[in-house]
N, C-alpha and C. Protein backbone atom coordinates (compact mmCIF):
# COMPACT_ATOMS: atom_id res chain seq x y z
N MET A 1 0.84 -1.15 0.03
CA MET A 1 0.06 0.01 0.05
C MET A 1 0.82 1.12 0.06
N GLU A 2 1.94 1.33 0.81
CA GLU A 2 2.91 2.32 0.66
C GLU A 2 3.30 2.77 -0.57
N LEU A 3 3.51 1.70 -1.48
CA LEU A 3 4.03 1.90 -3.00
C LEU A 3 2.97 2.86 -3.55
N CYS A 4 1.67 2.51 -3.53
CA CYS A 4 0.56 2.99 -4.05
C CYS A 4 0.53 4.66 -3.75
N LEU A 5 0.95 4.94 -2.40
CA LEU A 5 0.82 6.29 -1.99
C LEU A 5 2.24 6.88 -2.47
N CYS A 6 3.35 6.24 -2.65
CA CYS A 6 4.51 6.93 -3.18
C CYS A 6 4.34 7.29 -4.61
N TYR A 7 3.48 6.41 -5.51
CA TYR A 7 3.16 6.73 -6.71
C TYR A 7 1.97 7.53 -6.98
N ALA A 8 1.35 7.74 -6.03
CA ALA A 8 -0.07 8.42 -6.19
C ALA A 8 -0.14 9.76 -6.65
N SER A 9 0.96 10.69 -6.08
CA SER A 9 0.90 11.85 -6.41
C SER A 9 1.18 12.19 -7.92
N SER A 10 2.06 11.45 -8.57
CA SER A 10 2.25 11.67 -10.00
C SER A 10 1.07 11.23 -10.86
N VAL A 11 0.36 10.21 -10.31
CA VAL A 11 -0.85 9.84 -11.16
C VAL A 11 -1.98 10.86 -11.00
N PHE A 12 -2.12 11.43 -9.79
CA PHE A 12 -3.06 12.41 -9.52
C PHE A 12 -2.75 13.72 -10.25
N LEU A 13 -1.32 14.11 -10.48
CA LEU A 13 -1.04 15.32 -11.33
C LEU A 13 -1.31 14.90 -12.74
N GLU A 14 -0.98 13.69 -13.18
CA GLU A 14 -1.27 13.31 -14.49
C GLU A 14 -2.71 13.46 -14.99
N ALA A 15 -3.61 13.03 -14.00
CA ALA A 15 -5.04 13.04 -14.06
C ALA A 15 -5.59 14.47 -14.34
N GLY A 16 -4.73 15.48 -13.91
CA GLY A 16 -5.22 16.89 -14.20
C GLY A 16 -5.68 17.60 -12.83
N MET A 17 -5.29 16.89 -11.89
CA MET A 17 -5.74 17.51 -10.47
C MET A 17 -4.71 18.64 -10.08
N PRO A 18 -5.20 19.73 -9.66
CA PRO A 18 -4.08 20.77 -9.11
C PRO A 18 -3.24 20.47 -8.28
N TYR A 19 -2.01 20.85 -8.40
CA TYR A 19 -0.88 20.47 -7.33
C TYR A 19 -1.32 20.70 -5.99
N GLU A 20 -1.90 21.93 -5.65
CA GLU A 20 -2.25 21.94 -4.22
C GLU A 20 -3.21 21.32 -3.81
N LYS A 21 -4.10 20.47 -4.56
CA LYS A 21 -5.03 19.65 -3.97
C LYS A 21 -4.51 18.09 -3.97
N VAL A 22 -3.33 17.84 -4.35
CA VAL A 22 -2.84 16.51 -4.44
C VAL A 22 -2.74 15.97 -3.03
N GLN A 23 -2.37 16.86 -2.09
CA GLN A 23 -1.96 16.37 -0.76
C GLN A 23 -3.31 15.96 -0.04
N TYR A 24 -4.51 16.74 -0.42
CA TYR A 24 -5.77 16.18 0.03
C TYR A 24 -6.10 14.94 -0.52
N ALA A 25 -5.84 14.50 -1.60
CA ALA A 25 -6.15 13.37 -2.30
C ALA A 25 -5.26 12.16 -1.62
N ILE A 26 -4.17 12.51 -1.27
CA ILE A 26 -3.25 11.48 -0.50
C ILE A 26 -3.83 11.24 0.88
N ILE A 27 -4.38 12.19 1.47
CA ILE A 27 -5.08 12.10 2.71
C ILE A 27 -6.34 11.18 2.63
N GLY A 28 -6.92 11.42 1.43
CA GLY A 28 -8.09 10.49 1.17
C GLY A 28 -7.90 9.06 1.02
N THR A 29 -6.70 8.77 0.46
CA THR A 29 -6.33 7.34 0.38
C THR A 29 -5.99 6.91 1.70
N GLY A 30 -5.49 7.70 2.74
CA GLY A 30 -5.23 7.15 3.93
C GLY A 30 -6.66 6.99 4.82
N CYS A 31 -7.59 7.87 4.57
CA CYS A 31 -8.76 7.71 5.10
C CYS A 31 -9.50 6.37 4.52
N CYS A 32 -9.23 6.00 3.45
CA CYS A 32 -9.83 4.75 2.70
C CYS A 32 -9.30 3.65 3.50
N GLU A 33 -7.99 3.67 3.86
CA GLU A 33 -7.36 2.51 4.37
C GLU A 33 -8.01 2.28 5.97
N LEU A 34 -8.04 3.48 6.49
CA LEU A 34 -8.72 3.48 7.93
C LEU A 34 -10.16 2.88 7.93
N LEU A 35 -10.98 3.37 6.93
CA LEU A 35 -12.22 2.90 6.65
C LEU A 35 -12.34 1.43 6.65
N THR A 36 -11.42 0.88 5.88
CA THR A 36 -11.36 -0.67 5.39
C THR A 36 -10.92 -1.38 6.84
N ALA A 37 -10.15 -0.77 7.54
CA ALA A 37 -9.74 -1.40 8.79
C ALA A 37 -10.84 -1.68 9.74
N PHE A 38 -11.70 -0.59 9.83
CA PHE A 38 -12.93 -0.99 10.72
C PHE A 38 -13.83 -1.92 10.06
N VAL A 39 -13.84 -1.81 8.67
CA VAL A 39 -14.87 -2.87 7.98
C VAL A 39 -14.32 -4.21 8.28
N SER A 40 -12.93 -4.45 8.15
CA SER A 40 -12.28 -5.75 8.24
C SER A 40 -12.61 -6.42 9.66
N CYS A 41 -12.44 -5.49 10.75
CA CYS A 41 -12.88 -5.93 12.13
C CYS A 41 -14.17 -6.40 12.10
N VAL A 42 -15.17 -5.88 11.63
CA VAL A 42 -16.61 -6.24 11.61
C VAL A 42 -16.83 -7.47 10.76
N VAL A 43 -16.29 -7.67 9.61
CA VAL A 43 -16.37 -8.72 8.63
C VAL A 43 -15.69 -10.04 8.96
N ILE A 44 -14.52 -9.85 9.57
CA ILE A 44 -13.54 -10.99 9.85
C ILE A 44 -14.48 -12.12 10.74
N GLU A 45 -15.26 -11.79 11.68
CA GLU A 45 -15.81 -12.80 12.59
C GLU A 45 -16.88 -13.48 11.73
N ARG A 46 -17.31 -12.90 10.38
CA ARG A 46 -18.49 -13.61 9.78
C ARG A 46 -17.89 -14.39 8.72
N VAL A 47 -16.92 -14.03 8.08
CA VAL A 47 -16.45 -14.79 6.73
C VAL A 47 -15.12 -15.51 7.10
N GLY A 48 -14.47 -15.18 8.19
CA GLY A 48 -13.12 -15.88 8.40
C GLY A 48 -12.04 -14.97 7.86
N TRP A 49 -10.86 -14.99 8.48
CA TRP A 49 -9.62 -14.24 7.94
C TRP A 49 -9.03 -14.83 6.65
N ARG A 50 -9.30 -16.22 6.55
CA ARG A 50 -8.76 -16.82 5.22
C ARG A 50 -9.46 -16.09 3.92
N VAL A 51 -10.75 -16.06 4.04
CA VAL A 51 -11.43 -15.47 2.73
C VAL A 51 -11.10 -14.17 2.54
N LEU A 52 -10.76 -13.35 3.63
CA LEU A 52 -10.54 -11.88 3.51
C LEU A 52 -9.11 -11.79 2.99
N LEU A 53 -8.16 -12.69 3.32
CA LEU A 53 -6.81 -12.53 2.90
C LEU A 53 -6.70 -13.00 1.60
N MET A 54 -7.36 -14.04 1.15
CA MET A 54 -7.34 -14.57 -0.20
C MET A 54 -8.02 -13.53 -1.15
N GLY A 55 -9.09 -12.99 -0.66
CA GLY A 55 -9.87 -12.03 -1.47
C GLY A 55 -9.21 -10.68 -1.66
N GLY A 56 -8.38 -10.42 -0.59
CA GLY A 56 -7.81 -9.07 -0.71
C GLY A 56 -6.65 -9.35 -1.59
N TYR A 57 -5.89 -10.18 -1.73
CA TYR A 57 -4.76 -10.43 -2.50
C TYR A 57 -5.20 -10.61 -3.94
N CYS A 58 -6.42 -11.25 -4.21
CA CYS A 58 -6.88 -11.33 -5.62
C CYS A 58 -7.42 -10.09 -6.06
N LEU A 59 -8.09 -9.37 -5.27
CA LEU A 59 -8.31 -7.95 -5.72
C LEU A 59 -7.20 -6.99 -5.84
N MET A 60 -6.21 -7.27 -5.04
CA MET A 60 -4.89 -6.50 -5.45
C MET A 60 -4.30 -6.67 -6.76
N ILE A 61 -4.32 -8.09 -6.92
CA ILE A 61 -3.70 -8.51 -8.34
C ILE A 61 -4.56 -7.92 -9.54
N CYS A 62 -5.85 -8.03 -9.26
CA CYS A 62 -6.76 -7.47 -10.41
C CYS A 62 -6.56 -5.95 -10.54
N TRP A 63 -6.62 -5.27 -9.47
CA TRP A 63 -6.42 -3.72 -9.61
C TRP A 63 -4.99 -3.24 -9.92
N GLY A 64 -4.10 -4.00 -9.56
CA GLY A 64 -2.62 -3.75 -9.95
C GLY A 64 -2.47 -4.03 -11.25
N GLY A 65 -3.07 -5.13 -11.92
CA GLY A 65 -2.87 -5.24 -13.26
C GLY A 65 -3.43 -4.09 -14.24
N ILE A 66 -4.77 -3.85 -13.71
CA ILE A 66 -5.43 -2.62 -14.46
C ILE A 66 -4.73 -1.50 -14.33
N PHE A 67 -4.05 -1.12 -13.13
CA PHE A 67 -3.17 -0.06 -12.88
C PHE A 67 -1.98 0.08 -13.90
N THR A 68 -1.37 -1.04 -13.96
CA THR A 68 -0.24 -1.19 -15.01
C THR A 68 -0.63 -0.85 -16.32
N VAL A 69 -1.75 -1.42 -16.90
CA VAL A 69 -2.16 -1.26 -18.19
C VAL A 69 -2.49 0.24 -18.42
N SER A 70 -3.21 0.91 -17.42
CA SER A 70 -3.49 2.30 -17.39
C SER A 70 -2.22 3.16 -17.66
N LEU A 71 -1.40 2.74 -16.85
CA LEU A 71 -0.11 3.64 -16.87
C LEU A 71 0.60 3.51 -18.29
N CYS A 72 0.68 2.38 -18.84
CA CYS A 72 1.09 2.10 -20.24
C CYS A 72 0.44 2.86 -21.24
N LEU A 73 -0.83 3.03 -20.93
CA LEU A 73 -1.87 3.62 -22.15
C LEU A 73 -2.22 5.06 -21.90
N GLN A 74 -1.62 5.60 -20.86
CA GLN A 74 -2.35 6.88 -20.30
C GLN A 74 -1.79 8.17 -21.26
N SER A 75 -1.19 7.78 -22.10
CA SER A 75 -0.72 8.76 -23.31
C SER A 75 -1.54 8.77 -24.53
N SER A 76 -2.15 7.54 -24.54
CA SER A 76 -2.93 7.23 -25.70
C SER A 76 -4.47 7.52 -25.62
N PHE A 77 -4.89 7.36 -24.37
CA PHE A 77 -6.36 7.81 -24.00
C PHE A 77 -6.57 8.85 -22.99
N PRO A 78 -7.39 9.85 -23.19
CA PRO A 78 -7.43 11.02 -22.23
C PRO A 78 -7.97 10.51 -20.93
N TRP A 79 -8.83 9.44 -20.99
CA TRP A 79 -9.41 8.94 -19.67
C TRP A 79 -8.55 8.05 -19.04
N MET A 80 -7.53 7.47 -19.51
CA MET A 80 -6.70 6.51 -18.73
C MET A 80 -6.09 6.99 -17.37
N PRO A 81 -5.74 8.26 -17.29
CA PRO A 81 -5.09 8.78 -15.90
C PRO A 81 -6.19 8.60 -14.84
N TYR A 82 -7.50 9.02 -15.25
CA TYR A 82 -8.65 8.91 -14.41
C TYR A 82 -8.73 7.15 -13.91
N LEU A 83 -8.61 6.44 -14.68
CA LEU A 83 -8.81 5.00 -14.39
C LEU A 83 -7.55 4.71 -13.60
N ALA A 84 -6.49 5.13 -13.70
CA ALA A 84 -5.21 4.74 -12.89
C ALA A 84 -5.49 5.27 -11.36
N MET A 85 -6.15 6.51 -11.50
CA MET A 85 -6.52 7.26 -10.19
C MET A 85 -7.32 6.49 -9.33
N SER A 86 -8.30 5.83 -9.96
CA SER A 86 -9.46 5.08 -9.43
C SER A 86 -8.92 3.70 -8.95
N CYS A 87 -7.84 3.16 -9.83
CA CYS A 87 -7.17 1.92 -9.24
C CYS A 87 -6.34 2.06 -7.86
N ILE A 88 -5.88 3.25 -7.90
CA ILE A 88 -5.13 3.50 -6.61
C ILE A 88 -6.12 3.20 -5.36
N PHE A 89 -7.11 3.99 -5.50
CA PHE A 89 -8.16 3.85 -4.29
C PHE A 89 -8.70 2.47 -4.39
N ALA A 90 -8.87 1.88 -5.32
CA ALA A 90 -9.48 0.49 -5.26
C ALA A 90 -8.32 -0.42 -4.72
N PHE A 91 -7.02 -0.33 -5.05
CA PHE A 91 -6.01 -1.05 -4.52
C PHE A 91 -5.88 -1.13 -3.08
N ILE A 92 -5.97 0.34 -2.49
CA ILE A 92 -5.82 0.56 -1.23
C ILE A 92 -7.04 -0.04 -0.30
N LEU A 93 -8.32 0.06 -0.85
CA LEU A 93 -9.33 -0.48 -0.25
C LEU A 93 -9.25 -2.05 -0.11
N SER A 94 -8.75 -2.66 -1.16
CA SER A 94 -8.62 -4.14 -1.18
C SER A 94 -7.48 -4.46 -0.24
N PHE A 95 -6.36 -3.66 -0.15
CA PHE A 95 -5.40 -4.11 0.77
C PHE A 95 -5.82 -3.82 2.22
N GLY A 96 -6.65 -2.77 2.61
CA GLY A 96 -7.07 -2.52 3.81
C GLY A 96 -8.12 -3.48 4.27
N ILE A 97 -9.04 -4.06 3.55
CA ILE A 97 -9.90 -5.07 4.08
C ILE A 97 -9.38 -6.44 4.08
N GLY A 98 -8.32 -6.82 3.35
CA GLY A 98 -7.53 -8.16 3.43
C GLY A 98 -6.50 -8.18 4.19
N PRO A 99 -5.16 -8.24 3.37
CA PRO A 99 -3.96 -8.14 4.09
C PRO A 99 -3.50 -7.26 5.36
N ALA A 100 -4.12 -5.96 5.23
CA ALA A 100 -3.73 -4.95 6.25
C ALA A 100 -4.55 -5.49 7.52
N GLY A 101 -5.65 -6.08 7.53
CA GLY A 101 -6.38 -6.15 8.75
C GLY A 101 -6.18 -7.62 9.15
N VAL A 102 -5.52 -8.43 8.39
CA VAL A 102 -5.49 -9.95 8.72
C VAL A 102 -4.09 -10.35 9.19
N THR A 103 -2.97 -9.86 8.55
CA THR A 103 -1.56 -10.42 8.81
C THR A 103 -1.31 -10.15 10.22
N GLY A 104 -1.78 -8.93 10.83
CA GLY A 104 -1.34 -8.87 12.21
C GLY A 104 -1.66 -9.82 13.11
N ILE A 105 -3.03 -10.56 12.93
CA ILE A 105 -3.58 -11.55 13.91
C ILE A 105 -3.26 -12.86 13.52
N LEU A 106 -2.46 -13.17 12.52
CA LEU A 106 -2.06 -14.49 12.08
C LEU A 106 -1.37 -15.22 13.09
N ALA A 107 -0.47 -14.63 13.73
CA ALA A 107 0.44 -15.25 14.78
C ALA A 107 -0.47 -15.83 15.96
N MET A 108 -1.49 -14.85 16.40
CA MET A 108 -2.45 -15.18 17.54
C MET A 108 -3.44 -16.47 17.08
N GLU A 109 -3.78 -16.38 15.82
CA GLU A 109 -4.75 -17.36 15.25
C GLU A 109 -4.12 -18.76 15.26
N LEU A 110 -2.97 -18.83 14.67
CA LEU A 110 -2.35 -20.01 14.15
C LEU A 110 -1.38 -20.73 15.30
N PHE A 111 -1.07 -19.88 16.35
CA PHE A 111 -0.12 -20.49 17.30
C PHE A 111 -0.72 -20.49 18.74
N ASP A 112 -0.34 -21.45 19.48
CA ASP A 112 -0.80 -21.44 20.99
C ASP A 112 -0.03 -20.52 21.77
N GLN A 113 -0.33 -20.45 23.07
CA GLN A 113 0.13 -19.34 23.95
C GLN A 113 1.75 -19.54 24.18
N MET A 114 2.25 -20.69 24.09
CA MET A 114 3.72 -21.05 24.16
C MET A 114 4.42 -20.58 23.08
N ALA A 115 3.98 -20.78 21.82
CA ALA A 115 4.68 -20.37 20.61
C ALA A 115 4.44 -19.03 20.23
N ARG A 116 3.38 -18.41 20.65
CA ARG A 116 2.87 -16.97 20.02
C ARG A 116 3.93 -16.03 20.39
N PRO A 117 4.61 -15.83 21.44
CA PRO A 117 5.64 -14.73 21.50
C PRO A 117 6.97 -14.88 20.45
N ALA A 118 7.14 -16.05 20.20
CA ALA A 118 8.48 -16.21 19.23
C ALA A 118 7.68 -16.06 17.67
N ALA A 119 6.47 -16.45 17.58
CA ALA A 119 5.90 -16.18 16.19
C ALA A 119 5.82 -14.63 15.96
N TYR A 120 5.50 -13.98 17.02
CA TYR A 120 5.26 -12.49 16.89
C TYR A 120 6.69 -11.88 16.54
N VAL A 121 7.52 -12.34 17.24
CA VAL A 121 9.00 -11.85 17.07
C VAL A 121 9.52 -11.98 15.60
N VAL A 122 9.20 -13.34 15.18
CA VAL A 122 9.65 -13.73 13.85
C VAL A 122 8.89 -12.76 12.73
N CYS A 123 7.44 -12.66 12.92
CA CYS A 123 6.69 -11.89 12.03
C CYS A 123 7.07 -10.50 12.07
N GLY A 124 7.31 -9.89 13.21
CA GLY A 124 7.73 -8.57 13.28
C GLY A 124 9.07 -8.17 12.55
N ALA A 125 9.94 -9.26 12.80
CA ALA A 125 11.34 -8.90 12.22
C ALA A 125 11.35 -9.03 10.67
N LEU A 126 10.58 -10.04 10.30
CA LEU A 126 10.41 -10.14 8.70
C LEU A 126 9.76 -9.12 8.06
N MET A 127 8.58 -8.53 8.77
CA MET A 127 7.83 -7.38 8.24
C MET A 127 8.71 -6.09 8.08
N TRP A 128 9.46 -5.73 9.24
CA TRP A 128 10.22 -4.57 9.16
C TRP A 128 11.44 -4.67 8.45
N THR A 129 12.04 -5.94 8.24
CA THR A 129 13.08 -6.10 7.19
C THR A 129 12.67 -5.91 5.82
N MET A 130 11.43 -6.40 5.52
CA MET A 130 10.91 -6.30 3.97
C MET A 130 10.58 -4.86 3.80
N LEU A 131 10.08 -4.16 4.72
CA LEU A 131 9.73 -2.77 4.61
C LEU A 131 10.94 -1.97 4.36
N PHE A 132 12.00 -2.33 5.09
CA PHE A 132 13.19 -1.57 4.95
C PHE A 132 13.80 -1.86 3.64
N LEU A 133 13.87 -2.94 3.15
CA LEU A 133 14.28 -3.43 1.73
C LEU A 133 13.60 -3.00 0.62
N VAL A 134 12.25 -2.91 0.80
CA VAL A 134 11.56 -2.35 -0.27
C VAL A 134 11.55 -0.74 -0.35
N GLY A 135 11.53 -0.09 0.79
CA GLY A 135 11.82 1.26 0.71
C GLY A 135 13.03 1.70 0.28
N LEU A 136 14.23 0.89 0.43
CA LEU A 136 15.48 1.19 0.01
C LEU A 136 15.46 1.10 -1.53
N GLY A 137 14.97 0.05 -1.91
CA GLY A 137 15.01 -0.44 -3.51
C GLY A 137 13.95 0.21 -4.25
N PHE A 138 12.92 0.77 -3.85
CA PHE A 138 11.80 1.16 -4.52
C PHE A 138 12.01 2.23 -5.62
N PRO A 139 13.01 3.29 -5.11
CA PRO A 139 13.40 4.24 -6.24
C PRO A 139 14.12 3.69 -7.46
N PHE A 140 14.81 2.58 -7.14
CA PHE A 140 15.65 2.00 -8.25
C PHE A 140 14.69 1.13 -8.95
N ILE A 141 13.74 0.46 -8.38
CA ILE A 141 12.77 -0.24 -9.03
C ILE A 141 11.91 0.64 -10.10
N MET A 142 11.49 1.82 -9.38
CA MET A 142 10.69 2.79 -10.26
C MET A 142 11.45 3.16 -11.49
N GLU A 143 12.80 3.38 -11.18
CA GLU A 143 13.52 3.99 -12.36
C GLU A 143 13.99 2.92 -13.51
N GLY A 144 14.06 1.61 -12.86
CA GLY A 144 14.34 0.64 -13.88
C GLY A 144 13.16 0.12 -14.70
N LEU A 145 12.20 -0.19 -13.92
CA LEU A 145 10.74 -0.68 -14.55
C LEU A 145 9.88 0.18 -15.22
N SER A 146 10.05 1.53 -14.74
CA SER A 146 8.96 2.64 -15.16
C SER A 146 7.47 2.24 -14.77
N HIS A 147 6.77 2.11 -15.98
CA HIS A 147 5.32 1.83 -15.74
C HIS A 147 5.11 0.30 -15.32
N PHE A 148 5.97 -0.46 -15.41
CA PHE A 148 5.92 -1.93 -15.07
C PHE A 148 6.32 -2.12 -13.69
N LEU A 149 6.62 -1.16 -12.66
CA LEU A 149 7.19 -1.16 -11.29
C LEU A 149 6.21 -2.02 -10.45
N TYR A 150 4.99 -2.20 -10.75
CA TYR A 150 4.15 -2.92 -9.78
C TYR A 150 4.13 -4.61 -10.25
N VAL A 151 4.73 -4.77 -11.18
CA VAL A 151 4.78 -6.42 -11.58
C VAL A 151 5.32 -7.23 -10.69
N PRO A 152 6.51 -6.92 -9.96
CA PRO A 152 7.19 -7.63 -8.86
C PRO A 152 6.28 -7.81 -7.76
N PHE A 153 5.53 -6.74 -7.39
CA PHE A 153 4.87 -6.78 -6.24
C PHE A 153 3.33 -7.61 -6.49
N LEU A 154 3.00 -7.55 -7.87
CA LEU A 154 1.74 -8.40 -8.09
C LEU A 154 2.13 -9.75 -8.02
N CYS A 155 3.40 -10.32 -8.49
CA CYS A 155 3.95 -11.65 -8.24
C CYS A 155 3.83 -12.05 -6.72
N VAL A 156 4.40 -11.10 -5.91
CA VAL A 156 4.28 -11.35 -4.46
C VAL A 156 2.80 -11.58 -3.94
N CYS A 157 1.83 -10.95 -4.50
CA CYS A 157 0.41 -11.11 -4.19
C CYS A 157 -0.04 -12.40 -4.65
N VAL A 158 0.41 -12.79 -5.85
CA VAL A 158 0.04 -14.10 -6.37
C VAL A 158 0.69 -15.36 -5.45
N CYS A 159 1.72 -15.23 -5.14
CA CYS A 159 2.40 -16.14 -4.20
C CYS A 159 1.67 -16.14 -2.83
N GLY A 160 1.27 -14.94 -2.47
CA GLY A 160 0.66 -15.05 -1.15
C GLY A 160 -0.73 -15.66 -1.09
N ALA A 161 -1.46 -15.24 -2.24
CA ALA A 161 -2.85 -15.97 -2.34
C ALA A 161 -2.71 -17.52 -2.57
N ILE A 162 -1.81 -18.06 -3.18
CA ILE A 162 -1.66 -19.43 -3.47
C ILE A 162 -1.18 -20.03 -2.04
N TYR A 163 -0.17 -19.51 -1.48
CA TYR A 163 0.36 -19.99 -0.01
C TYR A 163 -0.86 -20.14 0.97
N THR A 164 -1.81 -18.92 0.87
CA THR A 164 -2.79 -18.91 1.85
C THR A 164 -3.87 -20.10 1.55
N GLY A 165 -4.17 -20.29 0.16
CA GLY A 165 -5.02 -21.25 -0.19
C GLY A 165 -4.72 -22.65 0.04
N LEU A 166 -3.43 -22.92 0.05
CA LEU A 166 -2.88 -24.19 0.02
C LEU A 166 -2.32 -24.63 1.40
N TYR A 167 -1.85 -23.80 2.22
CA TYR A 167 -1.09 -24.16 3.38
C TYR A 167 -1.52 -23.48 4.77
N LEU A 168 -2.59 -22.56 4.52
CA LEU A 168 -3.09 -22.01 5.72
C LEU A 168 -4.39 -22.47 6.09
N PRO A 169 -4.73 -22.99 7.22
CA PRO A 169 -6.25 -23.39 7.54
C PRO A 169 -6.97 -22.15 8.01
N GLU A 170 -8.36 -22.36 7.77
CA GLU A 170 -9.06 -21.45 8.44
C GLU A 170 -9.37 -21.77 9.96
N THR A 171 -9.33 -20.76 10.88
CA THR A 171 -9.22 -20.92 12.33
C THR A 171 -10.66 -20.56 12.83
N LYS A 172 -11.68 -20.16 12.12
CA LYS A 172 -12.92 -19.47 12.60
C LYS A 172 -13.74 -20.73 13.13
N GLY A 173 -14.06 -20.70 14.45
CA GLY A 173 -15.06 -21.61 15.08
C GLY A 173 -14.06 -23.03 15.44
N LYS A 174 -12.76 -22.98 15.38
CA LYS A 174 -11.93 -24.19 15.71
C LYS A 174 -11.19 -23.92 17.02
N THR A 175 -10.86 -25.12 17.53
CA THR A 175 -9.98 -25.01 18.82
C THR A 175 -8.56 -24.99 18.35
N PHE A 176 -7.70 -24.96 19.39
CA PHE A 176 -6.19 -24.97 18.91
C PHE A 176 -5.84 -26.26 18.42
N LEU A 177 -6.34 -27.27 19.04
CA LEU A 177 -6.10 -28.54 18.57
C LEU A 177 -6.50 -28.99 17.19
N GLU A 178 -7.67 -28.51 16.87
CA GLU A 178 -8.17 -28.70 15.44
C GLU A 178 -7.49 -27.99 14.39
N ILE A 179 -7.00 -26.68 14.96
CA ILE A 179 -6.03 -25.86 13.95
C ILE A 179 -4.67 -26.42 13.82
N SER A 180 -4.22 -27.02 14.92
CA SER A 180 -2.81 -27.66 14.73
C SER A 180 -2.92 -28.78 13.91
N GLU A 181 -3.99 -29.77 13.99
CA GLU A 181 -4.14 -30.85 13.11
C GLU A 181 -4.23 -30.40 11.73
N GLU A 182 -5.11 -29.49 11.41
CA GLU A 182 -5.33 -29.04 9.90
C GLU A 182 -4.04 -28.52 9.48
N LEU A 183 -3.27 -27.64 10.27
CA LEU A 183 -1.98 -27.13 9.74
C LEU A 183 -1.06 -28.16 9.44
N HIS A 184 -1.10 -29.14 10.41
CA HIS A 184 -0.11 -30.39 10.16
C HIS A 184 -0.56 -31.13 8.93
N ARG A 185 -1.87 -31.34 8.56
CA ARG A 185 -2.27 -32.15 7.52
C ARG A 185 -1.94 -31.33 6.14
N LEU A 186 -2.06 -29.91 6.13
CA LEU A 186 -1.84 -29.27 4.92
C LEU A 186 -0.25 -29.14 4.55
N ASN A 187 0.48 -29.07 5.60
CA ASN A 187 1.79 -28.89 5.48
C ASN A 187 2.72 -30.11 5.52
N LEU A 188 2.29 -31.15 6.13
CA LEU A 188 3.05 -32.46 6.33
C LEU A 188 2.09 -33.59 5.90
N PRO A 189 1.43 -33.72 4.63
CA PRO A 189 0.53 -34.61 4.34
C PRO A 189 1.11 -36.11 4.54
N GLN A 190 2.33 -36.35 4.40
CA GLN A 190 2.83 -37.74 4.58
C GLN A 190 2.91 -38.16 6.11
N ARG A 191 2.70 -37.24 7.09
CA ARG A 191 2.64 -37.69 8.52
C ARG A 191 1.41 -37.44 9.12
N THR A 192 0.22 -37.77 8.53
CA THR A 192 -0.95 -37.43 9.11
C THR A 192 -1.43 -38.37 10.16
N GLY A 193 -0.63 -39.50 10.25
CA GLY A 193 -1.14 -40.41 11.18
C GLY A 193 -0.70 -40.13 12.75
N GLY A 194 0.04 -39.06 12.90
CA GLY A 194 0.59 -38.72 14.29
C GLY A 194 1.50 -39.83 14.74
N PRO A 195 2.10 -39.48 15.89
CA PRO A 195 3.16 -40.09 16.45
C PRO A 195 2.90 -41.69 16.66
N LYS A 196 3.83 -42.54 16.31
CA LYS A 196 3.51 -44.02 16.44
C LYS A 196 4.27 -44.59 17.74
N TRP A 197 3.67 -45.37 18.39
CA TRP A 197 4.26 -45.93 19.69
C TRP A 197 4.29 -47.55 19.53
N ASN A 198 5.46 -48.06 20.08
CA ASN A 198 5.84 -49.43 19.89
C ASN A 198 5.91 -50.03 21.26
N ASN A 199 5.60 -51.43 21.44
CA ASN A 199 5.89 -51.98 22.76
C ASN A 199 4.99 -51.27 23.63
N LEU A 200 3.67 -51.07 23.43
CA LEU A 200 2.75 -50.47 24.32
C LEU A 200 2.56 -51.35 25.74
N GLU A 201 2.70 -50.71 26.83
CA GLU A 201 2.35 -51.50 28.19
C GLU A 201 1.24 -50.88 28.68
N ILE A 202 0.17 -51.60 29.14
CA ILE A 202 -0.96 -50.86 29.74
C ILE A 202 -0.82 -51.01 31.34
N ILE A 203 -0.77 -49.86 31.76
CA ILE A 203 -0.74 -49.87 33.33
C ILE A 203 -2.10 -50.10 33.97
N GLN A 204 -2.43 -51.25 34.66
CA GLN A 204 -3.67 -51.43 35.12
C GLN A 204 -4.11 -50.58 36.33
N SER A 205 -3.09 -50.33 37.20
CA SER A 205 -3.30 -49.61 38.53
C SER A 205 -2.08 -48.59 38.67
N THR A 206 -2.46 -47.58 39.27
CA THR A 206 -1.60 -46.39 39.62
C THR A 206 -1.36 -46.15 41.16
N GLU A 207 -1.83 -47.31 41.91
CA GLU A 207 -1.82 -47.11 43.55
C GLU A 207 -0.42 -47.01 43.93
N VAL A 208 -0.17 -46.05 44.71
CA VAL A 208 1.18 -45.94 45.38
C VAL A 208 1.33 -46.68 46.71
């Protein structure tokens, strides 16, 4: 989403928006994300986080693809800059209702209390490392790929949607034991039988 905001000002200017009003349009994009965060909190209990995450990624792929096409054709059709501007808002709305509202609670949903602190540490470290690397490399990506700068990030969205669909279980209405078994079944299908014990001895009495 931060990438959309980085590129939004030039798209708004290209669409004919006065320079002094671009800052208000940027504020509007931030308000869109705030609104979708509230919507996500309400909807997630009804449809589950897995649907929101996959749906958000799919919508981001759709709007990002249209945005890339509109950037390539913005000099050919006078209405293309307006389409690109609309895609920015649609992309941010899709991000807000899906990945933005869901990824922060994944560690709490998938791990029990003993593993949860370590999971939060790993997730936080990965997130801030990726943000640092993207922020550092984004100007070079913009310069090198020009209108196709969103293509690498669309590939990330595709990978995220596929991984969510294949390897992450839905946690809505399930206990930690059921979630753990489903996660084990999706990621380790060859070991679905659980631990095997040999030479079992039945203890008839535990009297001391």
